[in-house]
C-alpha atoms as a PDB file:
ATOM      1  CA  UNK A   1       4.927 -15.531  -5.253  1.00  0.00           C
ATOM      2  CA  UNK A   2       3.983 -13.143  -2.442  1.00  0.00           C
ATOM      3  CA  UNK A   3       4.769 -14.238   1.122  1.00  0.00           C
ATOM      4  CA  UNK A   4       1.925 -14.357   3.620  1.00  0.00           C
ATOM      5  CA  UNK A   5       2.005 -11.677   6.298  1.00  0.00           C
ATOM      6  CA  UNK A   6       2.860 -12.963   9.755  1.00  0.00           C
ATOM      7  CA  UNK A   7      -0.139 -12.853  12.088  1.00  0.00           C
ATOM      8  CA  UNK A   8      -0.088 -10.301  14.893  1.00  0.00           C
ATOM      9  CA  UNK A   9       0.505 -11.557  18.420  1.00  0.00           C
ATOM     10  CA  UNK A  10      -1.782 -10.567  21.273  1.00  0.00           C
ATOM     11  CA  UNK A  11       0.998  -8.361  22.690  1.00  0.00           C
ATOM     12  CA  UNK A  12       1.435  -6.550  19.358  1.00  0.00           C
ATOM     13  CA  UNK A  13      -2.308  -5.963  19.057  1.00  0.00           C
ATOM     14  CA  UNK A  14      -2.500  -4.700  22.652  1.00  0.00           C
ATOM     15  CA  UNK A  15       0.387  -2.255  22.145  1.00  0.00           C
ATOM     16  CA  UNK A  16      -1.235  -0.937  18.975  1.00  0.00           C
ATOM     17  CA  UNK A  17      -4.643  -0.551  20.642  1.00  0.00           C
ATOM     18  CA  UNK A  18      -3.014   1.526  23.383  1.00  0.00           C
ATOM     19  CA  UNK A  19      -1.130   3.676  20.867  1.00  0.00           C
ATOM     20  CA  UNK A  20      -4.213   4.394  18.774  1.00  0.00           C
ATOM     21  CA  UNK A  21      -6.498   5.060  21.756  1.00  0.00           C
ATOM     22  CA  UNK A  22      -4.081   7.258  23.710  1.00  0.00           C
ATOM     23  CA  UNK A  23      -3.383   9.384  20.648  1.00  0.00           C
ATOM     24  CA  UNK A  24      -7.047  10.450  20.382  1.00  0.00           C
ATOM     25  CA  UNK A  25      -8.398  13.552  22.136  1.00  0.00           C
ATOM     26  CA  UNK A  26     -10.825  12.733  24.956  1.00  0.00           C
ATOM     27  CA  UNK A  27      -9.534   9.185  25.287  1.00  0.00           C
ATOM     28  CA  UNK A  28      -7.341   7.344  27.767  1.00  0.00           C
ATOM     29  CA  UNK A  29      -6.531   3.638  27.767  1.00  0.00           C
ATOM     30  CA  UNK A  30      -4.626   1.399  30.164  1.00  0.00           C
ATOM     31  CA  UNK A  31      -3.330  -2.136  29.921  1.00  0.00           C
ATOM     32  CA  UNK A  32      -4.621  -4.414  32.666  1.00  0.00           C
ATOM     33  CA  UNK A  33      -1.811  -6.753  33.632  1.00  0.00           C
ATOM     34  CA  UNK A  34      -3.629  -9.779  34.961  1.00  0.00           C
ATOM     35  CA  UNK A  35      -1.064 -12.541  34.509  1.00  0.00           C
ATOM     36  CA  UNK A  36       1.066 -14.137  37.163  1.00  0.00           C
ATOM     37  CA  UNK A  37       4.797 -13.606  37.543  1.00  0.00           C
ATOM     38  CA  UNK A  38       7.842 -15.768  38.114  1.00  0.00           C
ATOM     39  CA  UNK A  39       9.360 -15.244  41.565  1.00  0.00           C
ATOM     40  CA  UNK A  40      13.061 -15.824  40.974  1.00  0.00           C
ATOM     41  CA  UNK A  41      13.970 -15.778  44.674  1.00  0.00           C
ATOM     42  CA  UNK A  42      11.468 -18.500  45.586  1.00  0.00           C
ATOM     43  CA  UNK A  43      11.613 -20.280  42.219  1.00  0.00           C
ATOM     44  CA  UNK A  44       7.817 -20.398  41.949  1.00  0.00           C
ATOM     45  CA  UNK A  45       5.160 -18.975  39.672  1.00  0.00           C
ATOM     46  CA  UNK A  46       2.946 -16.570  41.624  1.00  0.00           C
ATOM     47  CA  UNK A  47      -0.666 -16.107  40.591  1.00  0.00           C
ATOM     48  CA  UNK A  48      -1.880 -12.688  39.513  1.00  0.00           C
ATOM     49  CA  UNK A  49      -3.868 -10.796  42.129  1.00  0.00           C
ATOM     50  CA  UNK A  50      -6.565  -9.347  39.884  1.00  0.00           C
ATOM     51  CA  UNK A  51     -10.053 -10.699  39.313  1.00  0.00           C
ATOM     52  CA  UNK A  52     -10.142 -13.469  36.737  1.00  0.00           C
ATOM     53  CA  UNK A  53     -11.479 -12.511  33.325  1.00  0.00           C
ATOM     54  CA  UNK A  54     -10.713  -8.786  33.419  1.00  0.00           C
ATOM     55  CA  UNK A  55     -10.193  -7.312  29.937  1.00  0.00           C
ATOM     56  CA  UNK A  56      -6.699  -6.638  28.606  1.00  0.00           C
ATOM     57  CA  UNK A  57      -7.382  -2.933  28.048  1.00  0.00           C
ATOM     58  CA  UNK A  58      -9.733  -0.522  29.775  1.00  0.00           C
ATOM     59  CA  UNK A  59     -10.520   2.688  27.973  1.00  0.00           C
ATOM     60  CA  UNK A  60     -12.531   5.814  28.653  1.00  0.00           C
ATOM     61  CA  UNK A  61     -13.637   7.715  25.562  1.00  0.00           C
ATOM     62  CA  UNK A  62     -15.436  10.973  26.288  1.00  0.00           C
ATOM     63  CA  UNK A  63     -16.910   9.495  29.478  1.00  0.00           C
ATOM     64  CA  UNK A  64     -17.826   6.087  28.011  1.00  0.00           C
ATOM     65  CA  UNK A  65     -16.314   2.946  29.539  1.00  0.00           C
ATOM     66  CA  UNK A  66     -14.936   0.511  26.987  1.00  0.00           C
ATOM     67  CA  UNK A  67     -13.363  -2.867  27.746  1.00  0.00           C
ATOM     68  CA  UNK A  68     -11.177  -4.529  25.143  1.00  0.00           C
ATOM     69  CA  UNK A  69     -10.249  -8.196  25.284  1.00  0.00           C
ATOM     70  CA  UNK A  70      -7.415  -8.983  22.883  1.00  0.00           C
ATOM     71  CA  UNK A  71      -7.326 -12.409  21.260  1.00  0.00           C
ATOM     72  CA  UNK A  72      -4.935 -13.754  18.651  1.00  0.00           C
ATOM     73  CA  UNK A  73      -5.116 -16.844  16.497  1.00  0.00           C
ATOM     74  CA  UNK A  74      -7.548 -19.484  17.730  1.00  0.00           C
ATOM     75  CA  UNK A  75      -7.701 -18.108  21.278  1.00  0.00           C
ATOM     76  CA  UNK A  76     -11.262 -17.909  22.671  1.00  0.00           C
ATOM     77  CA  UNK A  77     -12.945 -16.128  25.570  1.00  0.00           C
ATOM     78  CA  UNK A  78     -12.741 -18.072  28.823  1.00  0.00           C
ATOM     79  CA  UNK A  79     -15.819 -18.544  30.993  1.00  0.00           C
ATOM     80  CA  UNK A  80     -14.499 -15.851  33.356  1.00  0.00           C
ATOM     81  CA  UNK A  81     -14.051 -13.450  30.426  1.00  0.00           C
ATOM     82  CA  UNK A  82     -17.603 -14.160  29.218  1.00  0.00           C
ATOM     83  CA  UNK A  83     -18.851 -13.370  32.738  1.00  0.00           C
ATOM     84  CA  UNK A  84     -16.969 -10.030  32.774  1.00  0.00           C
ATOM     85  CA  UNK A  85     -18.341  -9.202  29.299  1.00  0.00           C
ATOM     86  CA  UNK A  86     -21.879  -9.756  30.569  1.00  0.00           C
ATOM     87  CA  UNK A  87     -21.270  -7.653  33.697  1.00  0.00           C
ATOM     88  CA  UNK A  88     -19.686  -4.775  31.768  1.00  0.00           C
ATOM     89  CA  UNK A  89     -22.458  -4.650  29.172  1.00  0.00           C
ATOM     90  CA  UNK A  90     -25.176  -4.968  31.836  1.00  0.00           C
ATOM     91  CA  UNK A  91     -23.655  -1.934  33.581  1.00  0.00           C
ATOM     92  CA  UNK A  92     -23.801   0.109  30.367  1.00  0.00           C
ATOM     93  CA  UNK A  93     -20.193  -0.331  29.252  1.00  0.00           C
ATOM     94  CA  UNK A  94     -18.991  -1.430  25.853  1.00  0.00           C
ATOM     95  CA  UNK A  95     -17.076  -4.704  25.448  1.00  0.00           C
ATOM     96  CA  UNK A  96     -15.045  -5.457  22.330  1.00  0.00           C
ATOM     97  CA  UNK A  97     -13.230  -8.680  21.494  1.00  0.00           C
ATOM     98  CA  UNK A  98     -10.295  -7.473  19.416  1.00  0.00           C
ATOM     99  CA  UNK A  99      -8.548  -9.848  17.007  1.00  0.00           C
ATOM    100  CA  UNK A 100      -6.331  -7.408  15.073  1.00  0.00           C
ATOM    101  CA  UNK A 101      -5.129  -3.825  14.989  1.00  0.00           C
ATOM    102  CA  UNK A 102      -7.230  -3.213  11.871  1.00  0.00           C
ATOM    103  CA  UNK A 103     -10.339  -4.583  13.610  1.00  0.00           C
ATOM    104  CA  UNK A 104      -9.747  -2.212  16.534  1.00  0.00           C
ATOM    105  CA  UNK A 105      -9.361   0.784  14.207  1.00  0.00           C
ATOM    106  CA  UNK A 106     -12.656  -0.081  12.480  1.00  0.00           C
ATOM    107  CA  UNK A 107     -14.374  -0.522  15.866  1.00  0.00           C
ATOM    108  CA  UNK A 108     -12.921   2.751  17.151  1.00  0.00           C
ATOM    109  CA  UNK A 109     -14.256   4.635  14.108  1.00  0.00           C
ATOM    110  CA  UNK A 110     -17.802   3.561  15.065  1.00  0.00           C
ATOM    111  CA  UNK A 111     -17.483   5.217  18.468  1.00  0.00           C
END
């Protein structure tokens, strides 16, 4: 009996998206770190200082702005993420909800 493959985590997918994108000519991609951090000295969790709902990866491909929101498992877009998707698309950018490395590769081929 063949074992089921372990599902990719959001961090694994994000790392792979960055690797694939940054390896292509005419393309640059950056991770947007929009989570809070633990302040060890004060023993508190500090909120992130970016706008809520920003995509996990921003990418420029030959002058085109592409936003990639990485989701794993049953995770869904938050209301803030839906708002950013609308704003990015209204401004002429491309927004992609990425659920696996393979899905990103297929999406990237269409560009």
